[in-house]
Amino acid sequence: MFFLFCQPGLKNNNTIDFLIKKLLIKGLKLNKKNFYEINSFNKQVNKKISLIPFAKKIDMLKDAFSFYAKTSKVINKKKFTYIFLDSYTILDLFFFSLLKFPKNTKIVVYLRIPYDFLFSTKLIFSLSIIILKKKNIKFITDTFELKNHFKKKYKIFCKVIPIPSDIKKNYSKLMKFKLRKIKIIFPGKSRNEKGVKSIIDLFKDKDKKTDIDFVFLRNELIIKNLKKVAKLKLIPLRSNLPYKNYLTSLRDSHYIILPYSHKTYRLRSSGVFIDSIKLNKFCFVSKDTWMASILKRFNLDLFVINKWEMNELYKKIYYLNKNFIEIKKNFIKMRHNINKNNSDKRFIDKMKKVFVN
């Protein structure tokens, strides 16, 4: 067996992409001699380019073509049994679809994002899928919502795999906290699609009664808009936070908020949500998201936020404290289900069937 990991978006070992690679190496019993990887670990980030939208797009195009050239060269030199594409931009996917693959190589493409939801990427995504469908490709995804969407729209069958999570122990005790002083975390990268605007709207009209410690990965827009809010202590974390520190920040907080606003989150998953529940943390999420559908399945609608305003959050925390025992029972049921379905073993077993069968 010779395995090729194509993960052009993988930049460090603090992400779910790295965990996926680690679990596949373990599950398929790969050693350094029988796998090759293409990623962006050594890519230098130009901060000036990232601030200019047009320059950023040109840079993405260059990166995607570089990925295509590198992958093409490698598959022409070595005979791979398996090729796995994960952690990519829409341009990476398009260039990957243009590659010529050996007939006996099994190729697996992980579809995580419904790029066709976006006008700017709809055409190129559709074209990529049309091209890939003509090749010997297996598709996988991680929610049944995505599976049904891809089947209905593109007539492709995706195997649904668990969302991997490396959490096995050291989870917190479920607790209720008085509103006099609370600690809230907005985990993961503070990108616009994850609700930076909603974060600013939530805290900017905060009252002066409650002391709030707000933990988040450093974002200058958040700091600029909220630094003068009374009784709000901003605790920005480094953007490239090590995985252990990320878990510690979740454990140390009282409540987790995921105000994801991007329309693709109607179908796509959230590894941070899975981690939060496995760590036994109450997590508030935006309406019309995959996370909201999971919570509603277990009668936990309380944690679904219709409008990110502090008064609504206060009311929900007050209701949670008043009805803690009943809500705790439903939460434990959901957590048991998530622990069962998103274990390392289950992920490895499912992926083995994808590659070996």
Protein backbone atom coordinates (compact mmCIF):
# COMPACT_ATOMS: atom_id res chain seq x y z
CA MET A 1 0.00 0.00 0.00
CA PHE A 2 1.25 3.47 -0.91
CA PHE A 3 -0.88 6.39 0.26
CA LEU A 4 -1.01 10.04 -0.85
CA PHE A 5 -2.46 12.68 1.48
CA CYS A 6 -3.55 15.73 -0.53
CA GLN A 7 -4.29 18.37 2.10
CA PRO A 8 -3.28 21.73 0.57
CA GLY A 9 -5.11 23.65 3.30
CA LEU A 10 -3.32 21.90 6.18
CA LYS A 11 -1.01 24.48 7.75
CA ASN A 12 -0.34 23.21 11.28
CA ASN A 13 -1.04 20.33 13.66
CA ASN A 14 -3.73 22.18 15.65
CA THR A 15 -6.61 21.44 13.27
CA ILE A 16 -9.14 18.72 12.56
CA ASP A 17 -7.37 18.15 9.21
CA PHE A 18 -4.26 17.05 11.06
CA LEU A 19 -6.33 14.80 13.35
CA ILE A 20 -7.89 13.13 10.29
CA LYS A 21 -4.45 12.42 8.87
CA LYS A 22 -3.21 11.10 12.23
CA LEU A 23 -6.18 8.75 12.63
CA LEU A 24 -5.86 7.46 9.05
CA ILE A 25 -2.16 6.70 9.57
CA LYS A 26 -3.07 4.83 12.76
CA GLY A 27 -6.10 3.00 11.33
CA LEU A 28 -4.48 1.94 8.06
CA LYS A 29 -1.18 1.16 9.85
CA LEU A 30 0.83 3.41 7.58
CA ASN A 31 4.49 4.10 8.26
CA LYS A 32 6.68 6.89 6.91
CA LYS A 33 7.89 4.73 4.06
CA ASN A 34 4.45 4.05 2.59
CA PHE A 35 2.76 7.44 2.56
CA TYR A 36 3.49 10.82 0.99
CA GLU A 37 1.85 14.12 1.87
CA ILE A 38 1.17 17.42 0.15
CA ASN A 39 0.22 20.23 2.54
CA SER A 40 1.00 23.86 3.41
CA PHE A 41 3.06 23.39 6.58
CA ASN A 42 5.98 25.40 5.19
CA LYS A 43 3.96 28.10 3.42
CA GLN A 44 4.94 31.62 4.42
CA VAL A 45 1.93 33.85 5.13
CA ASN A 46 2.10 37.33 3.62
CA LYS A 47 -0.02 39.47 5.99
CA LYS A 48 -0.14 42.39 3.53
CA ILE A 49 -1.68 40.21 0.80
CA SER A 50 -4.28 38.80 3.20
CA LEU A 51 -5.61 42.35 3.74
CA ILE A 52 -6.20 43.03 0.02
CA PRO A 53 -9.14 40.98 -1.38
CA PHE A 54 -7.98 40.93 -5.04
CA ALA A 55 -4.37 40.11 -4.12
CA LYS A 56 -5.63 37.36 -1.82
CA LYS A 57 -7.59 35.75 -4.68
CA ILE A 58 -4.56 35.87 -6.97
CA ASP A 59 -2.50 34.27 -4.20
CA MET A 60 -5.12 31.50 -3.82
CA LEU A 61 -5.00 30.88 -7.57
CA LYS A 62 -1.20 30.61 -7.47
CA ASP A 63 -1.38 28.22 -4.52
CA ALA A 64 -3.98 26.04 -6.26
CA PHE A 65 -1.91 25.81 -9.43
CA SER A 66 1.18 25.02 -7.36
CA PHE A 67 -0.79 22.22 -5.65
CA TYR A 68 -1.88 20.90 -9.07
CA ALA A 69 1.70 20.93 -10.45
CA LYS A 70 3.14 19.29 -7.33
CA THR A 71 0.45 16.57 -7.22
CA SER A 72 0.72 15.87 -10.95
CA LYS A 73 4.48 15.45 -10.67
CA VAL A 74 4.18 13.09 -7.67
CA ILE A 75 1.51 10.80 -9.14
CA ASN A 76 3.52 10.50 -12.36
CA LYS A 77 6.62 9.45 -10.41
CA LYS A 78 5.13 7.07 -7.82
CA LYS A 79 2.47 4.38 -7.92
CA PHE A 80 -0.16 5.12 -5.29
CA THR A 81 -2.75 2.65 -4.06
CA TYR A 82 -4.85 5.43 -2.53
CA ILE A 83 -5.16 9.20 -2.92
CA PHE A 84 -7.09 11.21 -0.35
CA LEU A 85 -8.18 14.84 -0.92
CA ASP A 86 -9.13 16.86 2.14
CA SER A 87 -8.72 20.43 3.45
CA TYR A 88 -8.82 22.38 0.22
CA THR A 89 -10.15 25.59 -1.34
CA ILE A 90 -12.62 25.55 -4.22
CA LEU A 91 -9.70 26.24 -6.58
CA ASP A 92 -7.75 23.27 -5.19
CA LEU A 93 -10.78 21.07 -5.87
CA PHE A 94 -11.06 22.32 -9.44
CA PHE A 95 -7.37 21.74 -10.23
CA PHE A 96 -7.53 18.33 -8.53
CA SER A 97 -10.39 17.36 -10.86
CA LEU A 98 -8.13 18.10 -13.86
CA LEU A 99 -5.47 15.60 -12.79
CA LYS A 100 -4.97 12.34 -14.69
CA PHE A 101 -5.09 9.43 -12.27
CA PRO A 102 -3.79 5.88 -12.81
CA LYS A 103 -6.61 3.39 -13.45
CA ASN A 104 -5.95 1.17 -10.42
CA THR A 105 -5.63 4.00 -7.88
CA LYS A 106 -8.54 4.47 -5.47
CA ILE A 107 -9.33 8.14 -4.96
CA VAL A 108 -11.37 9.49 -2.03
CA VAL A 109 -12.61 13.10 -1.93
CA TYR A 110 -13.92 14.54 1.33
CA LEU A 111 -16.78 17.00 0.58
CA ARG A 112 -17.23 19.18 3.66
CA ILE A 113 -18.62 22.44 2.24
CA PRO A 114 -21.55 22.97 -0.17
CA TYR A 115 -19.71 25.49 -2.33
CA ASP A 116 -22.74 25.62 -4.64
CA PHE A 117 -24.56 27.65 -1.94
CA LEU A 118 -22.37 30.60 -2.92
CA PHE A 119 -22.87 32.48 -6.17
CA SER A 120 -19.13 33.15 -6.52
CA THR A 121 -18.16 29.44 -6.34
CA LYS A 122 -21.28 27.65 -7.62
CA LEU A 123 -20.14 27.27 -11.26
CA ILE A 124 -16.62 26.08 -10.51
CA PHE A 125 -17.87 23.62 -7.87
CA SER A 126 -20.47 22.16 -10.24
CA LEU A 127 -17.88 21.83 -13.00
CA SER A 128 -15.41 20.12 -10.62
CA ILE A 129 -18.05 17.57 -9.54
CA ILE A 130 -19.07 16.87 -13.15
CA ILE A 131 -15.43 16.14 -14.06
CA LEU A 132 -14.78 14.04 -10.93
CA LYS A 133 -17.93 11.95 -11.54
CA LYS A 134 -16.35 10.68 -14.76
CA LYS A 135 -13.41 9.25 -12.82
CA ASN A 136 -13.06 6.42 -10.33
CA ILE A 137 -13.84 8.57 -7.29
CA LYS A 138 -15.34 7.75 -3.90
CA PHE A 139 -16.97 10.69 -2.11
CA ILE A 140 -17.32 11.05 1.65
CA THR A 141 -18.93 13.74 3.80
CA ASP A 142 -19.77 14.18 7.49
CA THR A 143 -23.47 15.09 7.78
CA PHE A 144 -26.57 13.41 6.39
CA GLU A 145 -27.76 16.87 5.32
CA LEU A 146 -24.74 17.19 3.02
CA LYS A 147 -25.18 13.62 1.77
CA ASN A 148 -28.79 14.29 0.79
CA HIS A 149 -27.89 17.61 -0.83
CA PHE A 150 -25.13 16.13 -3.01
CA LYS A 151 -27.31 13.16 -3.95
CA LYS A 152 -30.26 15.31 -4.95
CA LYS A 153 -28.30 18.00 -6.78
CA TYR A 154 -25.38 16.09 -8.33
CA LYS A 155 -26.53 12.47 -8.28
CA ILE A 156 -23.46 11.39 -6.33
CA PHE A 157 -23.45 9.02 -3.37
CA CYS A 158 -21.42 10.11 -0.35
CA LYS A 159 -20.51 7.81 2.49
CA VAL A 160 -21.17 9.61 5.79
CA ILE A 161 -18.26 9.42 8.22
CA PRO A 162 -18.10 10.54 11.87
CA ILE A 163 -16.63 13.93 12.75
CA PRO A 164 -13.41 12.98 14.53
CA SER A 165 -12.66 14.35 17.99
CA ASP A 166 -9.59 13.55 20.05
CA ILE A 167 -11.37 14.06 23.40
CA LYS A 168 -11.64 10.96 25.58
CA LYS A 169 -11.48 12.24 29.17
CA ASN A 170 -10.92 15.31 31.38
CA TYR A 171 -14.36 16.68 30.62
CA SER A 172 -15.98 19.25 32.89
CA LYS A 173 -18.85 18.85 35.33
CA LEU A 174 -22.13 20.36 34.09
CA MET A 175 -22.80 23.43 36.20
CA LYS A 176 -25.04 26.46 36.41
CA PHE A 177 -23.56 29.93 36.86
CA LYS A 178 -25.12 33.05 38.29
CA LEU A 179 -25.33 36.01 35.95
CA ARG A 180 -23.24 38.24 38.21
CA LYS A 181 -20.03 37.02 36.58
CA ILE A 182 -19.72 34.65 33.63
CA LYS A 183 -16.99 33.53 31.26
CA ILE A 184 -17.92 33.08 27.59
CA ILE A 185 -15.73 31.72 24.81
CA PHE A 186 -15.99 32.11 21.04
CA PRO A 187 -13.62 29.27 20.00
CA GLY A 188 -12.04 28.52 16.67
CA LYS A 189 -10.78 31.02 14.12
CA SER A 190 -12.54 34.41 14.41
CA ARG A 191 -13.56 34.65 10.76
CA ASN A 192 -16.50 36.65 9.37
CA GLU A 193 -18.36 33.49 8.30
CA LYS A 194 -18.27 32.31 11.92
CA GLY A 195 -20.19 35.36 13.11
CA VAL A 196 -17.80 38.19 14.01
CA LYS A 197 -20.59 40.73 13.34
CA SER A 198 -22.96 38.83 15.63
CA ILE A 199 -20.30 38.83 18.36
CA ILE A 200 -19.99 42.62 18.14
CA ASP A 201 -23.80 43.04 18.12
CA LEU A 202 -24.10 40.75 21.14
CA PHE A 203 -21.70 42.61 23.42
CA LYS A 204 -21.86 46.24 22.28
CA ASP A 205 -25.17 46.93 24.12
CA LYS A 206 -24.25 44.90 27.20
CA ASP A 207 -25.63 46.21 30.52
CA LYS A 208 -23.40 47.32 33.39
CA LYS A 209 -24.65 44.73 35.89
CA THR A 210 -22.93 41.55 34.72
CA ASP A 211 -19.17 41.08 34.64
CA ILE A 212 -18.23 39.08 31.54
CA ASP A 213 -14.87 37.61 30.60
CA PHE A 214 -14.91 37.08 26.85
CA VAL A 215 -12.35 34.68 25.38
CA PHE A 216 -11.70 34.54 21.62
CA LEU A 217 -8.95 33.99 19.08
CA ARG A 218 -7.41 37.37 18.41
CA ASN A 219 -9.43 39.50 15.99
CA GLU A 220 -8.67 43.21 15.64
CA LEU A 221 -12.23 44.09 14.56
CA ILE A 222 -13.66 42.57 17.75
CA ILE A 223 -11.08 44.37 19.90
CA LYS A 224 -11.67 47.72 18.17
CA ASN A 225 -15.46 47.57 18.61
CA LEU A 226 -15.65 46.12 22.12
CA LYS A 227 -12.62 47.43 24.00
CA LYS A 228 -14.61 50.25 25.67
CA VAL A 229 -17.66 48.20 26.71
CA ALA A 230 -18.17 48.43 30.48
CA LYS A 231 -17.59 45.32 32.59
CA LEU A 232 -16.48 43.33 29.54
CA LYS A 233 -12.99 41.88 29.85
CA LEU A 234 -11.58 40.90 26.47
CA ILE A 235 -9.21 37.92 26.57
CA PRO A 236 -7.76 37.43 23.06
CA LEU A 237 -5.86 34.19 22.48
CA ARG A 238 -3.08 33.73 19.93
CA SER A 239 -4.44 32.93 16.47
CA ASN A 240 -2.34 29.76 16.06
CA LEU A 241 -3.44 28.23 19.36
CA PRO A 242 -1.95 24.80 20.22
CA TYR A 243 -4.55 22.04 20.51
CA LYS A 244 -3.97 21.48 24.25
CA ASN A 245 -4.45 25.21 24.93
CA TYR A 246 -7.60 25.19 22.80
CA LEU A 247 -9.08 22.39 24.93
CA THR A 248 -8.04 24.14 28.14
CA SER A 249 -9.76 27.36 27.01
CA LEU A 250 -12.99 25.40 26.42
CA ARG A 251 -12.80 23.67 29.81
CA ASP A 252 -12.14 26.93 31.66
CA SER A 253 -15.17 28.74 30.21
CA HIS A 254 -18.75 28.68 31.50
CA TYR A 255 -20.55 28.94 28.16
CA ILE A 256 -19.56 28.47 24.52
CA ILE A 257 -21.10 30.53 21.72
CA LEU A 258 -21.04 29.62 18.02
CA PRO A 259 -22.81 32.47 16.18
CA TYR A 260 -22.06 31.00 12.75
CA SER A 261 -23.80 33.09 10.12
CA HIS A 262 -22.65 31.62 6.80
CA LYS A 263 -25.45 29.92 4.84
CA THR A 264 -23.30 26.80 4.27
CA TYR A 265 -23.63 26.00 8.00
CA ARG A 266 -27.21 24.92 7.32
CA LEU A 267 -25.65 21.67 6.11
CA ARG A 268 -22.00 21.59 7.16
CA SER A 269 -20.66 20.31 10.45
CA SER A 270 -18.67 21.92 13.24
CA GLY A 271 -15.80 20.12 14.96
CA VAL A 272 -15.81 22.80 17.68
CA PHE A 273 -19.45 21.97 18.49
CA ILE A 274 -18.59 18.26 18.83
CA ASP A 275 -15.59 19.08 21.05
CA SER A 276 -17.72 21.37 23.24
CA ILE A 277 -20.39 18.75 23.86
CA LYS A 278 -17.83 16.02 24.51
CA LEU A 279 -16.22 18.30 27.10
CA ASN A 280 -19.64 18.66 28.77
CA LYS A 281 -20.08 22.34 27.97
CA PHE A 282 -23.32 24.17 27.28
CA CYS A 283 -23.11 25.62 23.79
CA PHE A 284 -25.31 28.34 22.24
CA VAL A 285 -25.60 28.28 18.43
CA SER A 286 -27.27 30.20 15.61
CA LYS A 287 -30.67 29.18 14.26
CA ASP A 288 -30.88 27.38 10.89
CA THR A 289 -27.57 25.56 11.34
CA TRP A 290 -26.59 21.90 11.49
CA MET A 291 -25.71 22.39 15.18
CA ALA A 292 -29.21 23.76 15.87
CA SER A 293 -30.77 20.67 14.26
CA ILE A 294 -28.74 18.40 16.57
CA LEU A 295 -29.83 20.34 19.67
CA LYS A 296 -33.49 20.32 18.62
CA ARG A 297 -33.35 16.56 18.13
CA PHE A 298 -32.76 16.26 21.88
CA ASN A 299 -35.27 18.93 22.95
CA LEU A 300 -32.52 21.44 23.62
CA ASP A 301 -34.03 24.32 21.61
CA LEU A 302 -33.05 26.58 24.51
CA PHE A 303 -29.49 26.72 23.15
CA VAL A 304 -30.59 27.93 19.70
CA ILE A 305 -30.27 31.72 19.36
CA ASN A 306 -32.65 33.50 16.98
CA LYS A 307 -31.04 36.91 17.39
CA TRP A 308 -27.65 37.53 18.97
CA GLU A 309 -28.64 40.05 21.63
CA MET A 310 -27.49 40.06 25.24
CA ASN A 311 -31.03 40.18 26.64
CA GLU A 312 -31.93 36.98 24.81
CA LEU A 313 -28.77 35.25 26.06
CA TYR A 314 -29.47 36.39 29.65
CA LYS A 315 -33.03 35.04 29.45
CA LYS A 316 -31.80 31.69 28.20
CA ILE A 317 -29.15 31.39 30.94
CA TYR A 318 -31.76 32.33 33.55
CA TYR A 319 -34.15 29.67 32.18
CA LEU A 320 -31.30 27.13 32.13
CA ASN A 321 -30.54 27.76 35.80
CA LYS A 322 -34.21 27.51 36.77
CA ASN A 323 -34.80 24.24 34.83
CA PHE A 324 -31.31 22.81 35.20
CA ILE A 325 -32.20 19.20 36.15
CA GLU A 326 -34.55 18.63 33.20
CA ILE A 327 -32.20 20.29 30.69
CA LYS A 328 -29.23 18.36 32.09
CA LYS A 329 -31.02 15.04 31.40
CA ASN A 330 -31.56 15.92 27.74
CA PHE A 331 -28.01 17.21 27.43
CA ILE A 332 -26.57 13.97 28.83
CA LYS A 333 -28.57 11.99 26.24
CA MET A 334 -27.18 14.13 23.43
CA ARG A 335 -23.65 13.90 24.77
CA HIS A 336 -23.90 10.11 25.04
CA ASN A 337 -25.03 9.96 21.41
CA ILE A 338 -22.18 12.22 20.26
CA ASN A 339 -19.58 10.28 22.26
CA LYS A 340 -20.82 7.04 20.73
CA ASN A 341 -20.92 8.28 17.13
CA ASN A 342 -17.80 10.45 17.10
CA SER A 343 -15.13 8.30 18.69
CA ASP A 344 -11.68 7.66 17.20
CA LYS A 345 -12.54 3.98 16.82
CA ARG A 346 -15.75 4.64 14.92
CA PHE A 347 -13.99 7.11 12.60
CA ILE A 348 -11.19 4.62 11.88
CA ASP A 349 -13.61 1.73 11.30
CA LYS A 350 -15.68 3.78 8.85
CA MET A 351 -12.63 5.04 6.97
CA LYS A 352 -11.19 1.54 6.70
CA LYS A 353 -14.35 0.46 4.91
CA VAL A 354 -14.06 3.45 2.56
CA PHE A 355 -10.48 2.66 1.55
CA VAL A 356 -10.23 -1.11 1.82
CA ASN A 357 -13.62 -2.20 0.46
